[in-house]
Amino acid sequence: DKYDIVDYEPNEDMQDLMKFAPLDVAISSSFFLSSLGIELLKATQTYLKKELKKMTDSTNLAKDTNLAKTGVGMEVSMDWLTETLQSLMKSQATDLLNVSRISPSKSKNTKSKQEKLNNK
């Protein structure tokens, strides 16, 4: 019970309020959710490894023709989870305060604002 989590209800007032949230709140929230995702991937990977080991120990894969029972495809899933976890670990090391340049926009209003910024 470390956190008091409120059920999500879409609300325009709350969306507008969050636009003015301090940067430290946005960054810490992003970091928290990223860490949660990484922990979930690690737990899923550990669980699937144990299940795969159980299945290979108890079943002769060459003789069993029922693919759902043999767990065929779990190895591919494990590879995908490993790659995803590694990618998330790398992205967590990214400097969140390093803001990239504004990408070109097709909107006329945005283009004129960008031109004004570039001319300064």
PDB file of N, CA and C in Angstrom:
ATOM      1  N   ASP A   1       0.817  -1.193   0.000  1.00  0.00           N
ATOM      2  CA  ASP A   1       0.000   0.000   0.000  1.00  0.00           C
ATOM      3  C   ASP A   1       0.866   1.263   0.000  1.00  0.00           C
ATOM      4  N   LYS A   2       1.866   1.294  -0.866  1.00  0.00           N
ATOM      5  CA  LYS A   2       2.727   2.469  -0.958  1.00  0.00           C
ATOM      6  C   LYS A   2       2.061   3.595  -1.738  1.00  0.00           C
ATOM      7  N   TYR A   3       1.160   3.243  -2.657  1.00  0.00           N
ATOM      8  CA  TYR A   3       0.575   4.233  -3.547  1.00  0.00           C
ATOM      9  C   TYR A   3      -0.943   4.198  -3.446  1.00  0.00           C
ATOM     10  N   ASP A   4      -1.541   5.343  -3.598  1.00  0.00           N
ATOM     11  CA  ASP A   4      -2.990   5.430  -3.659  1.00  0.00           C
ATOM     12  C   ASP A   4      -3.335   5.668  -5.122  1.00  0.00           C
ATOM     13  N   ILE A   5      -3.803   4.638  -5.804  1.00  0.00           N
ATOM     14  CA  ILE A   5      -4.060   4.714  -7.236  1.00  0.00           C
ATOM     15  C   ILE A   5      -5.554   4.903  -7.465  1.00  0.00           C
ATOM     16  N   VAL A   6      -5.884   5.940  -8.210  1.00  0.00           N
ATOM     17  CA  VAL A   6      -7.272   6.262  -8.515  1.00  0.00           C
ATOM     18  C   VAL A   6      -7.622   5.642  -9.860  1.00  0.00           C
ATOM     19  N   ASP A   7      -8.834   5.092  -9.976  1.00  0.00           N
ATOM     20  CA  ASP A   7      -9.282   4.536 -11.253  1.00  0.00           C
ATOM     21  C   ASP A   7      -9.265   5.622 -12.319  1.00  0.00           C
ATOM     22  N   TYR A   8      -8.869   5.240 -13.534  1.00  0.00           N
ATOM     23  CA  TYR A   8      -8.786   6.194 -14.637  1.00  0.00           C
ATOM     24  C   TYR A   8     -10.171   6.462 -15.201  1.00  0.00           C
ATOM     25  N   GLU A   9     -10.505   7.718 -15.313  1.00  0.00           N
ATOM     26  CA  GLU A   9     -11.739   8.138 -15.954  1.00  0.00           C
ATOM     27  C   GLU A   9     -11.378   9.284 -16.889  1.00  0.00           C
ATOM     28  N   PRO A  10     -11.590   9.110 -18.213  1.00  0.00           N
ATOM     29  CA  PRO A  10     -11.266  10.191 -19.153  1.00  0.00           C
ATOM     30  C   PRO A  10     -11.999  11.475 -18.764  1.00  0.00           C
ATOM     31  N   ASN A  11     -11.249  12.577 -18.718  1.00  0.00           N
ATOM     32  CA  ASN A  11     -11.817  13.829 -18.254  1.00  0.00           C
ATOM     33  C   ASN A  11     -11.025  14.970 -18.893  1.00  0.00           C
ATOM     34  N   GLU A  12     -11.700  15.819 -19.665  1.00  0.00           N
ATOM     35  CA  GLU A  12     -11.002  16.909 -20.361  1.00  0.00           C
ATOM     36  C   GLU A  12     -10.371  17.907 -19.394  1.00  0.00           C
ATOM     37  N   ASP A  13     -11.036  18.160 -18.273  1.00  0.00           N
ATOM     38  CA  ASP A  13     -10.477  19.098 -17.292  1.00  0.00           C
ATOM     39  C   ASP A  13      -9.142  18.584 -16.757  1.00  0.00           C
ATOM     40  N   MET A  14      -9.083  17.285 -16.477  1.00  0.00           N
ATOM     41  CA  MET A  14      -7.847  16.691 -15.964  1.00  0.00           C
ATOM     42  C   MET A  14      -6.761  16.714 -17.041  1.00  0.00           C
ATOM     43  N   GLN A  15      -7.157  16.475 -18.301  1.00  0.00           N
ATOM     44  CA  GLN A  15      -6.189  16.523 -19.398  1.00  0.00           C
ATOM     45  C   GLN A  15      -5.582  17.918 -19.506  1.00  0.00           C
ATOM     46  N   ASP A  16      -6.424  18.941 -19.430  1.00  0.00           N
ATOM     47  CA  ASP A  16      -5.925  20.316 -19.496  1.00  0.00           C
ATOM     48  C   ASP A  16      -5.028  20.634 -18.305  1.00  0.00           C
ATOM     49  N   LEU A  17      -5.405  20.155 -17.139  1.00  0.00           N
ATOM     50  CA  LEU A  17      -4.604  20.384 -15.937  1.00  0.00           C
ATOM     51  C   LEU A  17      -3.221  19.737 -16.070  1.00  0.00           C
ATOM     52  N   MET A  18      -3.166  18.542 -16.645  1.00  0.00           N
ATOM     53  CA  MET A  18      -1.896  17.820 -16.783  1.00  0.00           C
ATOM     54  C   MET A  18      -0.947  18.501 -17.771  1.00  0.00           C
ATOM     55  N   LYS A  19      -1.483  19.324 -18.657  1.00  0.00           N
ATOM     56  CA  LYS A  19      -0.622  20.061 -19.593  1.00  0.00           C
ATOM     57  C   LYS A  19       0.291  21.035 -18.851  1.00  0.00           C
ATOM     58  N   PHE A  20      -0.118  21.416 -17.640  1.00  0.00           N
ATOM     59  CA  PHE A  20       0.659  22.370 -16.853  1.00  0.00           C
ATOM     60  C   PHE A  20       1.378  21.708 -15.680  1.00  0.00           C
ATOM     61  N   ALA A  21       1.473  20.389 -15.723  1.00  0.00           N
ATOM     62  CA  ALA A  21       2.175  19.663 -14.654  1.00  0.00           C
ATOM     63  C   ALA A  21       3.661  20.021 -14.705  1.00  0.00           C
ATOM     64  N   PRO A  22       4.303  20.127 -13.567  1.00  0.00           N
ATOM     65  CA  PRO A  22       5.744  20.425 -13.551  1.00  0.00           C
ATOM     66  C   PRO A  22       6.539  19.325 -14.261  1.00  0.00           C
ATOM     67  N   LEU A  23       7.649  19.710 -14.842  1.00  0.00           N
ATOM     68  CA  LEU A  23       8.474  18.770 -15.591  1.00  0.00           C
ATOM     69  C   LEU A  23       8.963  17.626 -14.716  1.00  0.00           C
ATOM     70  N   ASP A  24       9.295  17.905 -13.455  1.00  0.00           N
ATOM     71  CA  ASP A  24       9.778  16.833 -12.582  1.00  0.00           C
ATOM     72  C   ASP A  24       8.699  15.777 -12.343  1.00  0.00           C
ATOM     73  N   VAL A  25       7.432  16.188 -12.327  1.00  0.00           N
ATOM     74  CA  VAL A  25       6.329  15.230 -12.169  1.00  0.00           C
ATOM     75  C   VAL A  25       6.219  14.362 -13.418  1.00  0.00           C
ATOM     76  N   ALA A  26       6.298  14.991 -14.590  1.00  0.00           N
ATOM     77  CA  ALA A  26       6.192  14.246 -15.848  1.00  0.00           C
ATOM     78  C   ALA A  26       7.343  13.254 -15.996  1.00  0.00           C
ATOM     79  N   ILE A  27       8.550  13.690 -15.686  1.00  0.00           N
ATOM     80  CA  ILE A  27       9.715  12.812 -15.831  1.00  0.00           C
ATOM     81  C   ILE A  27       9.668  11.672 -14.826  1.00  0.00           C
ATOM     82  N   SER A  28       9.330  11.975 -13.582  1.00  0.00           N
ATOM     83  CA  SER A  28       9.293  10.909 -12.580  1.00  0.00           C
ATOM     84  C   SER A  28       8.171   9.920 -12.877  1.00  0.00           C
ATOM     85  N   SER A  29       7.043  10.396 -13.395  1.00  0.00           N
ATOM     86  CA  SER A  29       5.950   9.491 -13.776  1.00  0.00           C
ATOM     87  C   SER A  29       6.381   8.593 -14.921  1.00  0.00           C
ATOM     88  N   SER A  30       7.048   9.181 -15.891  1.00  0.00           N
ATOM     89  CA  SER A  30       7.531   8.408 -17.035  1.00  0.00           C
ATOM     90  C   SER A  30       8.530   7.350 -16.585  1.00  0.00           C
ATOM     91  N   PHE A  31       9.435   7.737 -15.694  1.00  0.00           N
ATOM     92  CA  PHE A  31      10.430   6.798 -15.176  1.00  0.00           C
ATOM     93  C   PHE A  31       9.758   5.673 -14.393  1.00  0.00           C
ATOM     94  N   PHE A  32       8.777   6.016 -13.557  1.00  0.00           N
ATOM     95  CA  PHE A  32       8.058   5.028 -12.753  1.00  0.00           C
ATOM     96  C   PHE A  32       7.369   4.006 -13.654  1.00  0.00           C
ATOM     97  N   LEU A  33       6.650   4.487 -14.668  1.00  0.00           N
ATOM     98  CA  LEU A  33       5.933   3.570 -15.557  1.00  0.00           C
ATOM     99  C   LEU A  33       6.898   2.730 -16.389  1.00  0.00           C
ATOM    100  N   SER A  34       8.005   3.317 -16.794  1.00  0.00           N
ATOM    101  CA  SER A  34       9.017   2.565 -17.535  1.00  0.00           C
ATOM    102  C   SER A  34       9.610   1.466 -16.661  1.00  0.00           C
ATOM    103  N   SER A  35       9.909   1.789 -15.419  1.00  0.00           N
ATOM    104  CA  SER A  35      10.447   0.792 -14.483  1.00  0.00           C
ATOM    105  C   SER A  35       9.450  -0.332 -14.242  1.00  0.00           C
ATOM    106  N   LEU A  36       8.184   0.029 -14.133  1.00  0.00           N
ATOM    107  CA  LEU A  36       7.131  -0.973 -13.946  1.00  0.00           C
ATOM    108  C   LEU A  36       7.080  -1.924 -15.138  1.00  0.00           C
ATOM    109  N   GLY A  37       7.178  -1.362 -16.339  1.00  0.00           N
ATOM    110  CA  GLY A  37       7.161  -2.176 -17.555  1.00  0.00           C
ATOM    111  C   GLY A  37       8.338  -3.131 -17.616  1.00  0.00           C
ATOM    112  N   ILE A  38       9.503  -2.654 -17.218  1.00  0.00           N
ATOM    113  CA  ILE A  38      10.701  -3.503 -17.217  1.00  0.00           C
ATOM    114  C   ILE A  38      10.551  -4.631 -16.211  1.00  0.00           C
ATOM    115  N   GLU A  39      10.050  -4.323 -15.025  1.00  0.00           N
ATOM    116  CA  GLU A  39       9.843  -5.361 -14.007  1.00  0.00           C
ATOM    117  C   GLU A  39       8.840  -6.408 -14.486  1.00  0.00           C
ATOM    118  N   LEU A  40       7.788  -5.962 -15.172  1.00  0.00           N
ATOM    119  CA  LEU A  40       6.797  -6.899 -15.703  1.00  0.00           C
ATOM    120  C   LEU A  40       7.426  -7.816 -16.744  1.00  0.00           C
ATOM    121  N   LEU A  41       8.242  -7.248 -17.631  1.00  0.00           N
ATOM    122  CA  LEU A  41       8.911  -8.070 -18.642  1.00  0.00           C
ATOM    123  C   LEU A  41       9.857  -9.079 -18.002  1.00  0.00           C
ATOM    124  N   LYS A  42      10.592  -8.658 -16.981  1.00  0.00           N
ATOM    125  CA  LYS A  42      11.504  -9.586 -16.295  1.00  0.00           C
ATOM    126  C   LYS A  42      10.729 -10.728 -15.652  1.00  0.00           C
ATOM    127  N   ALA A  43       9.627 -10.391 -14.978  1.00  0.00           N
ATOM    128  CA  ALA A  43       8.816 -11.421 -14.312  1.00  0.00           C
ATOM    129  C   ALA A  43       8.201 -12.373 -15.332  1.00  0.00           C
ATOM    130  N   THR A  44       7.723 -11.821 -16.450  1.00  0.00           N
ATOM    131  CA  THR A  44       7.138 -12.656 -17.503  1.00  0.00           C
ATOM    132  C   THR A  44       8.188 -13.584 -18.083  1.00  0.00           C
ATOM    133  N   GLN A  45       9.370 -13.053 -18.318  1.00  0.00           N
ATOM    134  CA  GLN A  45      10.460 -13.847 -18.876  1.00  0.00           C
ATOM    135  C   GLN A  45      10.851 -14.977 -17.925  1.00  0.00           C
ATOM    136  N   THR A  46      10.974 -14.686 -16.654  1.00  0.00           N
ATOM    137  CA  THR A  46      11.321 -15.702 -15.655  1.00  0.00           C
ATOM    138  C   THR A  46      10.253 -16.786 -15.599  1.00  0.00           C
ATOM    139  N   TYR A  47       8.999 -16.377 -15.587  1.00  0.00           N
ATOM    140  CA  TYR A  47       7.891 -17.333 -15.532  1.00  0.00           C
ATOM    141  C   TYR A  47       7.895 -18.238 -16.769  1.00  0.00           C
ATOM    142  N   LEU A  48       8.050 -17.630 -17.948  1.00  0.00           N
ATOM    143  CA  LEU A  48       8.027 -18.425 -19.178  1.00  0.00           C
ATOM    144  C   LEU A  48       9.202 -19.398 -19.252  1.00  0.00           C
ATOM    145  N   LYS A  49      10.358 -18.992 -18.750  1.00  0.00           N
ATOM    146  CA  LYS A  49      11.507 -19.904 -18.724  1.00  0.00           C
ATOM    147  C   LYS A  49      11.208 -21.120 -17.858  1.00  0.00           C
ATOM    148  N   LYS A  50      10.604 -20.882 -16.686  1.00  0.00           N
ATOM    149  CA  LYS A  50      10.255 -21.996 -15.794  1.00  0.00           C
ATOM    150  C   LYS A  50       9.230 -22.911 -16.446  1.00  0.00           C
ATOM    151  N   GLU A  51       8.224 -22.329 -17.079  1.00  0.00           N
ATOM    152  CA  GLU A  51       7.183 -23.126 -17.731  1.00  0.00           C
ATOM    153  C   GLU A  51       7.758 -23.934 -18.888  1.00  0.00           C
ATOM    154  N   LEU A  52       8.640 -23.317 -19.661  1.00  0.00           N
ATOM    155  CA  LEU A  52       9.262 -24.022 -20.783  1.00  0.00           C
ATOM    156  C   LEU A  52      10.098 -25.188 -20.279  1.00  0.00           C
ATOM    157  N   LYS A  53      10.827 -24.986 -19.200  1.00  0.00           N
ATOM    158  CA  LYS A  53      11.635 -26.062 -18.625  1.00  0.00           C
ATOM    159  C   LYS A  53      10.737 -27.197 -18.150  1.00  0.00           C
ATOM    160  N   LYS A  54       9.627 -26.875 -17.483  1.00  0.00           N
ATOM    161  CA  LYS A  54       8.683 -27.905 -17.032  1.00  0.00           C
ATOM    162  C   LYS A  54       8.157 -28.706 -18.217  1.00  0.00           C
ATOM    163  N   MET A  55       7.803 -27.988 -19.274  1.00  0.00           N
ATOM    164  CA  MET A  55       7.213 -28.651 -20.441  1.00  0.00           C
ATOM    165  C   MET A  55       8.217 -29.556 -21.141  1.00  0.00           C
ATOM    166  N   THR A  56       9.449 -29.097 -21.271  1.00  0.00           N
ATOM    167  CA  THR A  56      10.447 -29.922 -21.957  1.00  0.00           C
ATOM    168  C   THR A  56      10.868 -31.101 -21.100  1.00  0.00           C
ATOM    169  N   ASP A  57      10.837 -30.932 -19.777  1.00  0.00           N
ATOM    170  CA  ASP A  57      11.176 -32.047 -18.891  1.00  0.00           C
ATOM    171  C   ASP A  57      10.098 -33.127 -18.913  1.00  0.00           C
ATOM    172  N   SER A  58       8.844 -32.725 -19.020  1.00  0.00           N
ATOM    173  CA  SER A  58       7.753 -33.697 -18.900  1.00  0.00           C
ATOM    174  C   SER A  58       7.239 -34.222 -20.237  1.00  0.00           C
ATOM    175  N   THR A  59       7.623 -33.627 -21.329  1.00  0.00           N
ATOM    176  CA  THR A  59       7.079 -34.022 -22.630  1.00  0.00           C
ATOM    177  C   THR A  59       8.200 -34.283 -23.628  1.00  0.00           C
ATOM    178  N   ASN A  60       8.061 -35.334 -24.355  1.00  0.00           N
ATOM    179  CA  ASN A  60       9.002 -35.589 -25.439  1.00  0.00           C
ATOM    180  C   ASN A  60       8.484 -34.840 -26.658  1.00  0.00           C
ATOM    181  N   LEU A  61       9.138 -33.746 -27.010  1.00  0.00           N
ATOM    182  CA  LEU A  61       8.650 -32.883 -28.076  1.00  0.00           C
ATOM    183  C   LEU A  61       8.616 -33.581 -29.435  1.00  0.00           C
ATOM    184  N   ALA A  62       9.490 -34.521 -29.658  1.00  0.00           N
ATOM    185  CA  ALA A  62       9.535 -35.195 -30.952  1.00  0.00           C
ATOM    186  C   ALA A  62       8.327 -36.099 -31.166  1.00  0.00           C
ATOM    187  N   LYS A  63       7.787 -36.699 -30.103  1.00  0.00           N
ATOM    188  CA  LYS A  63       6.682 -37.642 -30.240  1.00  0.00           C
ATOM    189  C   LYS A  63       5.316 -36.978 -30.155  1.00  0.00           C
ATOM    190  N   ASP A  64       5.210 -35.877 -29.443  1.00  0.00           N
ATOM    191  CA  ASP A  64       3.913 -35.236 -29.232  1.00  0.00           C
ATOM    192  C   ASP A  64       3.568 -34.375 -30.441  1.00  0.00           C
ATOM    193  N   THR A  65       2.390 -34.582 -31.028  1.00  0.00           N
ATOM    194  CA  THR A  65       2.008 -33.838 -32.228  1.00  0.00           C
ATOM    195  C   THR A  65       1.111 -32.644 -31.919  1.00  0.00           C
ATOM    196  N   ASN A  66       0.632 -32.521 -30.704  1.00  0.00           N
ATOM    197  CA  ASN A  66      -0.225 -31.403 -30.344  1.00  0.00           C
ATOM    198  C   ASN A  66       0.651 -30.193 -30.004  1.00  0.00           C
ATOM    199  N   LEU A  67       0.719 -29.228 -30.926  1.00  0.00           N
ATOM    200  CA  LEU A  67       1.622 -28.080 -30.771  1.00  0.00           C
ATOM    201  C   LEU A  67       1.277 -27.217 -29.556  1.00  0.00           C
ATOM    202  N   ALA A  68       0.006 -27.103 -29.241  1.00  0.00           N
ATOM    203  CA  ALA A  68      -0.387 -26.279 -28.090  1.00  0.00           C
ATOM    204  C   ALA A  68       0.141 -26.872 -26.791  1.00  0.00           C
ATOM    205  N   LYS A  69       0.187 -28.197 -26.717  1.00  0.00           N
ATOM    206  CA  LYS A  69       0.673 -28.846 -25.495  1.00  0.00           C
ATOM    207  C   LYS A  69       2.195 -28.820 -25.403  1.00  0.00           C
ATOM    208  N   THR A  70       2.870 -28.849 -26.546  1.00  0.00           N
ATOM    209  CA  THR A  70       4.333 -28.915 -26.523  1.00  0.00           C
ATOM    210  C   THR A  70       4.976 -27.566 -26.248  1.00  0.00           C
ATOM    211  N   GLY A  71       4.224 -26.504 -26.433  1.00  0.00           N
ATOM    212  CA  GLY A  71       4.786 -25.186 -26.165  1.00  0.00           C
ATOM    213  C   GLY A  71       5.617 -24.649 -27.310  1.00  0.00           C
ATOM    214  N   VAL A  72       5.399 -25.205 -28.519  1.00  0.00           N
ATOM    215  CA  VAL A  72       6.116 -24.699 -29.680  1.00  0.00           C
ATOM    216  C   VAL A  72       5.742 -23.226 -29.839  1.00  0.00           C
ATOM    217  N   GLY A  73       6.696 -22.399 -30.031  1.00  0.00           N
ATOM    218  CA  GLY A  73       6.465 -20.964 -30.140  1.00  0.00           C
ATOM    219  C   GLY A  73       6.879 -20.210 -28.891  1.00  0.00           C
ATOM    220  N   MET A  74       7.047 -20.925 -27.790  1.00  0.00           N
ATOM    221  CA  MET A  74       7.454 -20.237 -26.554  1.00  0.00           C
ATOM    222  C   MET A  74       8.881 -19.714 -26.671  1.00  0.00           C
ATOM    223  N   GLU A  75       9.721 -20.435 -27.393  1.00  0.00           N
ATOM    224  CA  GLU A  75      11.109 -19.975 -27.543  1.00  0.00           C
ATOM    225  C   GLU A  75      11.150 -18.667 -28.322  1.00  0.00           C
ATOM    226  N   VAL A  76      10.310 -18.571 -29.353  1.00  0.00           N
ATOM    227  CA  VAL A  76      10.242 -17.329 -30.125  1.00  0.00           C
ATOM    228  C   VAL A  76       9.735 -16.201 -29.232  1.00  0.00           C
ATOM    229  N   SER A  77       8.740 -16.513 -28.423  1.00  0.00           N
ATOM    230  CA  SER A  77       8.201 -15.524 -27.490  1.00  0.00           C
ATOM    231  C   SER A  77       9.274 -15.074 -26.497  1.00  0.00           C
ATOM    232  N   MET A  78      10.073 -16.008 -26.028  1.00  0.00           N
ATOM    233  CA  MET A  78      11.153 -15.684 -25.084  1.00  0.00           C
ATOM    234  C   MET A  78      12.177 -14.756 -25.741  1.00  0.00           C
ATOM    235  N   ASP A  79      12.522 -15.052 -27.007  1.00  0.00           N
ATOM    236  CA  ASP A  79      13.471 -14.199 -27.725  1.00  0.00           C
ATOM    237  C   ASP A  79      12.919 -12.777 -27.848  1.00  0.00           C
ATOM    238  N   TRP A  80      11.633 -12.684 -28.184  1.00  0.00           N
ATOM    239  CA  TRP A  80      11.003 -11.375 -28.323  1.00  0.00           C
ATOM    240  C   TRP A  80      11.018 -10.625 -26.996  1.00  0.00           C
ATOM    241  N   LEU A  81      10.685 -11.314 -25.920  1.00  0.00           N
ATOM    242  CA  LEU A  81      10.692 -10.678 -24.596  1.00  0.00           C
ATOM    243  C   LEU A  81      12.090 -10.195 -24.224  1.00  0.00           C
ATOM    244  N   THR A  82      13.094 -10.999 -24.538  1.00  0.00           N
ATOM    245  CA  THR A  82      14.475 -10.618 -24.230  1.00  0.00           C
ATOM    246  C   THR A  82      14.866  -9.359 -24.995  1.00  0.00           C
ATOM    247  N   GLU A  83      14.539  -9.310 -26.296  1.00  0.00           N
ATOM    248  CA  GLU A  83      14.862  -8.139 -27.106  1.00  0.00           C
ATOM    249  C   GLU A  83      14.126  -6.901 -26.595  1.00  0.00           C
ATOM    250  N   THR A  84      12.855  -7.066 -26.242  1.00  0.00           N
ATOM    251  CA  THR A  84      12.065  -5.945 -25.743  1.00  0.00           C
ATOM    252  C   THR A  84      12.638  -5.426 -24.431  1.00  0.00           C
ATOM    253  N   LEU A  85      13.015  -6.330 -23.558  1.00  0.00           N
ATOM    254  CA  LEU A  85      13.592  -5.941 -22.273  1.00  0.00           C
ATOM    255  C   LEU A  85      14.896  -5.173 -22.484  1.00  0.00           C
ATOM    256  N   GLN A  86      15.745  -5.675 -23.379  1.00  0.00           N
ATOM    257  CA  GLN A  86      17.014  -4.992 -23.644  1.00  0.00           C
ATOM    258  C   GLN A  86      16.773  -3.602 -24.222  1.00  0.00           C
ATOM    259  N   SER A  87      15.794  -3.499 -25.104  1.00  0.00           N
ATOM    260  CA  SER A  87      15.467  -2.207 -25.702  1.00  0.00           C
ATOM    261  C   SER A  87      14.969  -1.223 -24.646  1.00  0.00           C
ATOM    262  N   LEU A  88      14.130  -1.701 -23.734  1.00  0.00           N
ATOM    263  CA  LEU A  88      13.622  -0.834 -22.667  1.00  0.00           C
ATOM    264  C   LEU A  88      14.736  -0.406 -21.723  1.00  0.00           C
ATOM    265  N   MET A  89      15.665  -1.304 -21.449  1.00  0.00           N
ATOM    266  CA  MET A  89      16.781  -0.964 -20.563  1.00  0.00           C
ATOM    267  C   MET A  89      17.628   0.136 -21.199  1.00  0.00           C
ATOM    268  N   LYS A  90      17.837   0.051 -22.528  1.00  0.00           N
ATOM    269  CA  LYS A  90      18.614   1.080 -23.219  1.00  0.00           C
ATOM    270  C   LYS A  90      17.875   2.409 -23.198  1.00  0.00           C
ATOM    271  N   SER A  91      16.556   2.372 -23.452  1.00  0.00           N
ATOM    272  CA  SER A  91      15.795   3.618 -23.513  1.00  0.00           C
ATOM    273  C   SER A  91      15.706   4.287 -22.150  1.00  0.00           C
ATOM    274  N   GLN A  92      15.831   3.524 -21.088  1.00  0.00           N
ATOM    275  CA  GLN A  92      15.765   4.109 -19.754  1.00  0.00           C
ATOM    276  C   GLN A  92      17.011   4.944 -19.466  1.00  0.00           C
ATOM    277  N   ALA A  93      18.084   4.659 -20.169  1.00  0.00           N
ATOM    278  CA  ALA A  93      19.319   5.412 -19.973  1.00  0.00           C
ATOM    279  C   ALA A  93      19.326   6.711 -20.784  1.00  0.00           C
ATOM    280  N   THR A  94      18.279   6.951 -21.572  1.00  0.00           N
ATOM    281  CA  THR A  94      18.193   8.136 -22.409  1.00  0.00           C
ATOM    282  C   THR A  94      18.009   9.382 -21.553  1.00  0.00           C
ATOM    283  N   ASP A  95      18.665  10.454 -21.961  1.00  0.00           N
ATOM    284  CA  ASP A  95      18.538  11.730 -21.259  1.00  0.00           C
ATOM    285  C   ASP A  95      17.177  12.333 -21.583  1.00  0.00           C
ATOM    286  N   LEU A  96      16.260  12.340 -20.622  1.00  0.00           N
ATOM    287  CA  LEU A  96      14.901  12.817 -20.859  1.00  0.00           C
ATOM    288  C   LEU A  96      14.827  14.329 -21.037  1.00  0.00           C
ATOM    289  N   LEU A  97      15.833  15.035 -20.604  1.00  0.00           N
ATOM    290  CA  LEU A  97      15.812  16.487 -20.730  1.00  0.00           C
ATOM    291  C   LEU A  97      16.378  16.961 -22.063  1.00  0.00           C
ATOM    292  N   ASN A  98      16.928  16.055 -22.842  1.00  0.00           N
ATOM    293  CA  ASN A  98      17.487  16.402 -24.134  1.00  0.00           C
ATOM    294  C   ASN A  98      16.350  16.453 -25.150  1.00  0.00           C
ATOM    295  N   VAL A  99      15.886  17.644 -25.465  1.00  0.00           N
ATOM    296  CA  VAL A  99      14.744  17.803 -26.360  1.00  0.00           C
ATOM    297  C   VAL A  99      15.256  17.967 -27.781  1.00  0.00           C
ATOM    298  N   SER A 100      14.694  17.182 -28.692  1.00  0.00           N
ATOM    299  CA  SER A 100      15.129  17.271 -30.088  1.00  0.00           C
ATOM    300  C   SER A 100      14.445  18.457 -30.764  1.00  0.00           C
ATOM    301  N   ARG A 101      14.972  18.828 -31.918  1.00  0.00           N
ATOM    302  CA  ARG A 101      14.402  19.938 -32.681  1.00  0.00           C
ATOM    303  C   ARG A 101      12.979  19.605 -33.101  1.00  0.00           C
ATOM    304  N   ILE A 102      12.205  20.636 -33.332  1.00  0.00           N
ATOM    305  CA  ILE A 102      10.829  20.451 -33.792  1.00  0.00           C
ATOM    306  C   ILE A 102      10.874  19.940 -35.220  1.00  0.00           C
ATOM    307  N   SER A 103      10.129  18.873 -35.482  1.00  0.00           N
ATOM    308  CA  SER A 103      10.117  18.321 -36.831  1.00  0.00           C
ATOM    309  C   SER A 103       9.220  19.176 -37.718  1.00  0.00           C
ATOM    310  N   PRO A 104       9.513  19.218 -39.017  1.00  0.00           N
ATOM    311  CA  PRO A 104       8.705  20.023 -39.935  1.00  0.00           C
ATOM    312  C   PRO A 104       7.243  19.589 -39.897  1.00  0.00           C
ATOM    313  N   SER A 105       6.372  20.559 -39.993  1.00  0.00           N
ATOM    314  CA  SER A 105       4.940  20.278 -39.929  1.00  0.00           C
ATOM    315  C   SER A 105       4.282  20.670 -41.234  1.00  0.00           C
ATOM    316  N   LYS A 106       3.166  20.037 -41.527  1.00  0.00           N
ATOM    317  CA  LYS A 106       2.416  20.357 -42.738  1.00  0.00           C
ATOM    318  C   LYS A 106       1.394  21.457 -42.472  1.00  0.00           C
ATOM    319  N   SER A 107       1.147  21.770 -41.223  1.00  0.00           N
ATOM    320  CA  SER A 107       0.175  22.796 -40.856  1.00  0.00           C
ATOM    321  C   SER A 107       0.735  24.178 -41.185  1.00  0.00           C
ATOM    322  N   LYS A 108      -0.086  25.031 -41.813  1.00  0.00           N
ATOM    323  CA  LYS A 108       0.367  26.378 -42.183  1.00  0.00           C
ATOM    324  C   LYS A 108       0.706  27.206 -40.947  1.00  0.00           C
ATOM    325  N   ASN A 109      -0.124  27.104 -39.901  1.00  0.00           N
ATOM    326  CA  ASN A 109       0.132  27.870 -38.672  1.00  0.00           C
ATOM    327  C   ASN A 109       1.460  27.478 -38.049  1.00  0.00           C
ATOM    328  N   THR A 110       1.701  26.183 -37.982  1.00  0.00           N
ATOM    329  CA  THR A 110       2.940  25.704 -37.375  1.00  0.00           C
ATOM    330  C   THR A 110       4.135  26.079 -38.240  1.00  0.00           C
ATOM    331  N   LYS A 111       3.958  26.008 -39.587  1.00  0.00           N
ATOM    332  CA  LYS A 111       5.059  26.368 -40.479  1.00  0.00           C
ATOM    333  C   LYS A 111       5.456  27.827 -40.277  1.00  0.00           C
ATOM    334  N   SER A 112       4.469  28.714 -40.186  1.00  0.00           N
ATOM    335  CA  SER A 112       4.807  30.129 -40.021  1.00  0.00           C
ATOM    336  C   SER A 112       5.493  30.371 -38.674  1.00  0.00           C
ATOM    337  N   LYS A 113       5.063  29.675 -37.629  1.00  0.00           N
ATOM    338  CA  LYS A 113       5.714  29.801 -36.322  1.00  0.00           C
ATOM    339  C   LYS A 113       7.142  29.279 -36.376  1.00  0.00           C
ATOM    340  N   GLN A 114       7.334  28.166 -37.097  1.00  0.00           N
ATOM    341  CA  GLN A 114       8.676  27.601 -37.227  1.00  0.00           C
ATOM    342  C   GLN A 114       9.583  28.549 -38.004  1.00  0.00           C
ATOM    343  N   GLU A 115       9.048  29.174 -39.060  1.00  0.00           N
ATOM    344  CA  GLU A 115       9.847  30.111 -39.851  1.00  0.00           C
ATOM    345  C   GLU A 115      10.271  31.308 -38.995  1.00  0.00           C
ATOM    346  N   LYS A 116       9.345  31.796 -38.162  1.00  0.00           N
ATOM    347  CA  LYS A 116       9.671  32.919 -37.276  1.00  0.00           C
ATOM    348  C   LYS A 116      10.777  32.531 -36.298  1.00  0.00           C
ATOM    349  N   LEU A 117      10.692  31.309 -35.761  1.00  0.00           N
ATOM    350  CA  LEU A 117      11.721  30.843 -34.822  1.00  0.00           C
ATOM    351  C   LEU A 117      13.071  30.700 -35.519  1.00  0.00           C
ATOM    352  N   ASN A 118      13.054  30.179 -36.741  1.00  0.00           N
ATOM    353  CA  ASN A 118      14.302  29.970 -37.476  1.00  0.00           C
ATOM    354  C   ASN A 118      14.948  31.291 -37.889  1.00  0.00           C
ATOM    355  N   ASN A 119      14.130  32.326 -38.121  1.00  0.00           N
ATOM    356  CA  ASN A 119      14.660  33.623 -38.548  1.00  0.00           C
ATOM    357  C   ASN A 119      15.246  34.430 -37.394  1.00  0.00           C
ATOM    358  N   LYS A 120      14.959  34.055 -36.164  1.00  0.00           N
ATOM    359  CA  LYS A 120      15.469  34.807 -35.004  1.00  0.00           C
ATOM    360  C   LYS A 120      16.916  34.538 -34.770  1.00  0.00           C
TER     361      LYS A 120
END
